[in-house]
N, C-alpha and C. Protein backbone atom coordinates (compact mmCIF):
# COMPACT_ATOMS: atom_id res chain seq x y z
N UNK A 1 105.50 -3.82 77.10
CA UNK A 1 105.63 -3.35 78.46
C UNK A 1 106.07 -1.90 78.44
N UNK A 2 105.49 -1.08 79.26
CA UNK A 2 105.86 0.31 79.40
C UNK A 2 106.82 0.43 80.58
N UNK A 3 107.95 1.07 80.34
CA UNK A 3 108.91 1.27 81.42
C UNK A 3 108.40 2.34 82.37
N UNK A 4 108.62 2.11 83.65
CA UNK A 4 108.27 3.11 84.64
C UNK A 4 109.36 4.17 84.67
N UNK A 5 109.01 5.41 84.99
CA UNK A 5 110.03 6.44 85.10
C UNK A 5 110.97 6.16 86.27
N UNK A 6 112.16 6.74 86.23
CA UNK A 6 113.14 6.52 87.29
C UNK A 6 112.65 7.09 88.62
N UNK A 7 111.86 8.15 88.56
CA UNK A 7 111.33 8.79 89.76
C UNK A 7 109.83 8.94 89.62
N UNK A 8 109.13 8.63 90.69
CA UNK A 8 107.68 8.79 90.71
C UNK A 8 107.31 9.82 91.76
N UNK A 9 106.35 10.64 91.47
CA UNK A 9 105.78 11.54 92.45
C UNK A 9 104.44 10.96 92.85
N UNK A 10 104.32 10.63 94.11
CA UNK A 10 103.10 10.01 94.62
C UNK A 10 102.23 11.09 95.24
N UNK A 11 101.04 11.26 94.67
CA UNK A 11 100.10 12.25 95.20
C UNK A 11 98.86 11.60 95.81
N UNK A 12 98.65 10.33 95.52
CA UNK A 12 97.50 9.59 96.04
C UNK A 12 97.81 9.12 97.46
N UNK A 13 97.01 9.52 98.45
CA UNK A 13 97.27 9.10 99.83
C UNK A 13 97.31 7.57 100.00
N UNK A 14 96.48 6.85 99.27
CA UNK A 14 96.48 5.38 99.38
C UNK A 14 97.79 4.81 98.87
N UNK A 15 98.31 5.36 97.79
CA UNK A 15 99.59 4.89 97.25
C UNK A 15 100.73 5.21 98.22
N UNK A 16 100.68 6.38 98.83
CA UNK A 16 101.70 6.76 99.81
C UNK A 16 101.68 5.81 101.01
N UNK A 17 100.50 5.47 101.50
CA UNK A 17 100.38 4.51 102.61
C UNK A 17 100.93 3.16 102.20
N UNK A 18 100.60 2.71 100.99
CA UNK A 18 101.09 1.42 100.51
C UNK A 18 102.60 1.41 100.43
N UNK A 19 103.19 2.50 99.98
CA UNK A 19 104.65 2.57 99.91
C UNK A 19 105.27 2.48 101.30
N UNK A 20 104.67 3.16 102.26
CA UNK A 20 105.19 3.10 103.63
C UNK A 20 105.06 1.69 104.20
N UNK A 21 103.91 1.06 103.99
CA UNK A 21 103.63 -0.23 104.60
C UNK A 21 104.27 -1.39 103.84
N UNK A 22 104.38 -1.29 102.53
CA UNK A 22 104.80 -2.43 101.71
C UNK A 22 106.13 -2.22 101.00
N UNK A 23 106.96 -1.31 101.48
CA UNK A 23 108.20 -1.02 100.75
C UNK A 23 109.13 -2.23 100.71
N UNK A 24 109.22 -3.00 101.78
CA UNK A 24 110.08 -4.19 101.77
C UNK A 24 109.53 -5.22 100.78
N UNK A 25 108.23 -5.39 100.75
CA UNK A 25 107.60 -6.32 99.81
C UNK A 25 107.82 -5.84 98.38
N UNK A 26 107.62 -4.56 98.14
CA UNK A 26 107.79 -3.99 96.80
C UNK A 26 109.21 -4.18 96.30
N UNK A 27 110.18 -4.11 97.20
CA UNK A 27 111.59 -4.25 96.80
C UNK A 27 111.92 -5.65 96.28
N UNK A 28 111.06 -6.63 96.52
CA UNK A 28 111.28 -7.99 96.01
C UNK A 28 110.94 -8.12 94.53
N UNK A 29 110.33 -7.09 93.96
CA UNK A 29 109.93 -7.10 92.55
C UNK A 29 110.90 -6.27 91.70
N UNK A 30 112.19 -6.58 91.77
CA UNK A 30 113.18 -5.84 90.98
C UNK A 30 113.24 -6.33 89.53
N UNK A 31 112.67 -7.48 89.26
CA UNK A 31 112.58 -8.04 87.91
C UNK A 31 111.22 -8.73 87.83
N UNK A 32 110.71 -8.99 86.62
CA UNK A 32 109.42 -9.68 86.53
C UNK A 32 109.45 -11.02 87.27
N UNK A 33 108.57 -11.17 88.22
CA UNK A 33 108.52 -12.36 89.07
C UNK A 33 107.07 -12.56 89.51
N UNK A 34 106.71 -13.81 89.73
CA UNK A 34 105.34 -14.10 90.17
C UNK A 34 105.21 -13.85 91.67
N UNK A 35 104.03 -13.46 92.11
CA UNK A 35 103.82 -13.30 93.54
C UNK A 35 104.08 -14.59 94.32
N UNK A 36 103.84 -15.75 93.72
CA UNK A 36 104.12 -17.01 94.40
C UNK A 36 105.61 -17.17 94.66
N UNK A 37 106.45 -16.78 93.69
CA UNK A 37 107.90 -16.85 93.90
C UNK A 37 108.34 -15.87 94.98
N UNK A 38 107.76 -14.69 94.98
CA UNK A 38 108.08 -13.71 96.02
C UNK A 38 107.65 -14.24 97.38
N UNK A 39 106.48 -14.85 97.45
CA UNK A 39 106.00 -15.41 98.72
C UNK A 39 106.97 -16.44 99.26
N UNK A 40 107.47 -17.28 98.39
CA UNK A 40 108.41 -18.31 98.82
C UNK A 40 109.69 -17.68 99.36
N UNK A 41 110.21 -16.68 98.65
CA UNK A 41 111.44 -16.00 99.10
C UNK A 41 111.22 -15.24 100.41
N UNK A 42 110.03 -14.68 100.58
CA UNK A 42 109.74 -13.87 101.76
C UNK A 42 109.21 -14.68 102.93
N UNK A 43 108.90 -15.96 102.70
CA UNK A 43 108.36 -16.79 103.77
C UNK A 43 106.95 -16.40 104.16
N UNK A 44 106.14 -16.06 103.17
CA UNK A 44 104.76 -15.68 103.45
C UNK A 44 103.81 -16.53 102.62
N UNK A 45 102.55 -16.51 102.96
CA UNK A 45 101.55 -17.28 102.22
C UNK A 45 101.39 -16.70 100.82
N UNK A 46 101.23 -17.57 99.84
CA UNK A 46 101.10 -17.15 98.44
C UNK A 46 99.89 -16.25 98.24
N UNK A 47 98.77 -16.57 98.89
CA UNK A 47 97.57 -15.73 98.71
C UNK A 47 97.78 -14.32 99.25
N UNK A 48 98.57 -14.18 100.30
CA UNK A 48 98.87 -12.86 100.85
C UNK A 48 99.77 -12.07 99.89
N UNK A 49 100.75 -12.75 99.30
CA UNK A 49 101.62 -12.10 98.32
C UNK A 49 100.83 -11.65 97.10
N UNK A 50 99.91 -12.49 96.63
CA UNK A 50 99.06 -12.11 95.49
C UNK A 50 98.20 -10.90 95.84
N UNK A 51 97.65 -10.88 97.05
CA UNK A 51 96.83 -9.76 97.49
C UNK A 51 97.64 -8.45 97.48
N UNK A 52 98.82 -8.48 98.07
CA UNK A 52 99.65 -7.27 98.13
C UNK A 52 100.11 -6.83 96.75
N UNK A 53 100.48 -7.79 95.89
CA UNK A 53 100.90 -7.45 94.53
C UNK A 53 99.75 -6.81 93.76
N UNK A 54 98.56 -7.35 93.89
CA UNK A 54 97.38 -6.79 93.23
C UNK A 54 97.11 -5.38 93.73
N UNK A 55 97.20 -5.19 95.06
CA UNK A 55 96.96 -3.86 95.65
C UNK A 55 97.98 -2.85 95.10
N UNK A 56 99.25 -3.23 95.05
CA UNK A 56 100.28 -2.33 94.54
C UNK A 56 100.09 -2.06 93.05
N UNK A 57 99.66 -3.06 92.30
CA UNK A 57 99.39 -2.86 90.86
C UNK A 57 98.20 -1.93 90.66
N UNK A 58 97.16 -2.10 91.46
CA UNK A 58 95.98 -1.23 91.35
C UNK A 58 96.33 0.23 91.63
N UNK A 59 97.34 0.44 92.48
CA UNK A 59 97.78 1.80 92.82
C UNK A 59 98.81 2.34 91.83
N UNK A 60 99.19 1.51 90.85
CA UNK A 60 100.17 1.95 89.86
C UNK A 60 101.61 1.81 90.29
N UNK A 61 101.86 1.07 91.37
CA UNK A 61 103.22 0.92 91.88
C UNK A 61 103.92 -0.33 91.36
N UNK A 62 103.17 -1.24 90.78
CA UNK A 62 103.70 -2.42 90.08
C UNK A 62 102.98 -2.52 88.75
N UNK A 63 103.64 -3.10 87.78
CA UNK A 63 103.00 -3.36 86.49
C UNK A 63 102.78 -4.85 86.35
N UNK A 64 101.56 -5.23 86.02
CA UNK A 64 101.23 -6.64 85.80
C UNK A 64 101.51 -7.00 84.35
N UNK A 65 102.12 -8.16 84.15
CA UNK A 65 102.36 -8.68 82.81
C UNK A 65 101.85 -10.10 82.76
N UNK A 66 101.21 -10.44 81.67
CA UNK A 66 100.78 -11.82 81.47
C UNK A 66 101.95 -12.58 80.85
N UNK A 67 102.24 -13.71 81.42
CA UNK A 67 103.29 -14.58 80.90
C UNK A 67 102.72 -15.98 80.79
N UNK A 68 103.37 -16.79 80.01
CA UNK A 68 102.96 -18.19 79.91
C UNK A 68 102.98 -18.78 81.32
N UNK A 69 101.87 -19.32 81.73
CA UNK A 69 101.79 -19.94 83.05
C UNK A 69 101.27 -19.01 84.13
N UNK A 70 100.96 -17.77 83.82
CA UNK A 70 100.39 -16.90 84.84
C UNK A 70 100.81 -15.46 84.71
N UNK A 71 100.71 -14.74 85.83
CA UNK A 71 101.01 -13.32 85.86
C UNK A 71 102.34 -13.10 86.56
N UNK A 72 103.03 -12.08 86.11
CA UNK A 72 104.21 -11.60 86.82
C UNK A 72 104.06 -10.10 86.99
N UNK A 73 104.77 -9.56 87.93
CA UNK A 73 104.72 -8.12 88.21
C UNK A 73 106.12 -7.57 88.14
């Protein structure tokens, strides 16, 4: 796993929008956790949590890791 830097400079407009819109969701990923676990804690549908986690990972704002039993971010 590659550690993320303590500070990120966001230059991609899509990533900036995602940070504005999904900052509360992103804050639930303080340790490696599955989107399903986050969905349960946040009271949202698991498929929606997976969608948002994938979107944030595609923008470089979350790191996906394969773990036994599935993916964590």
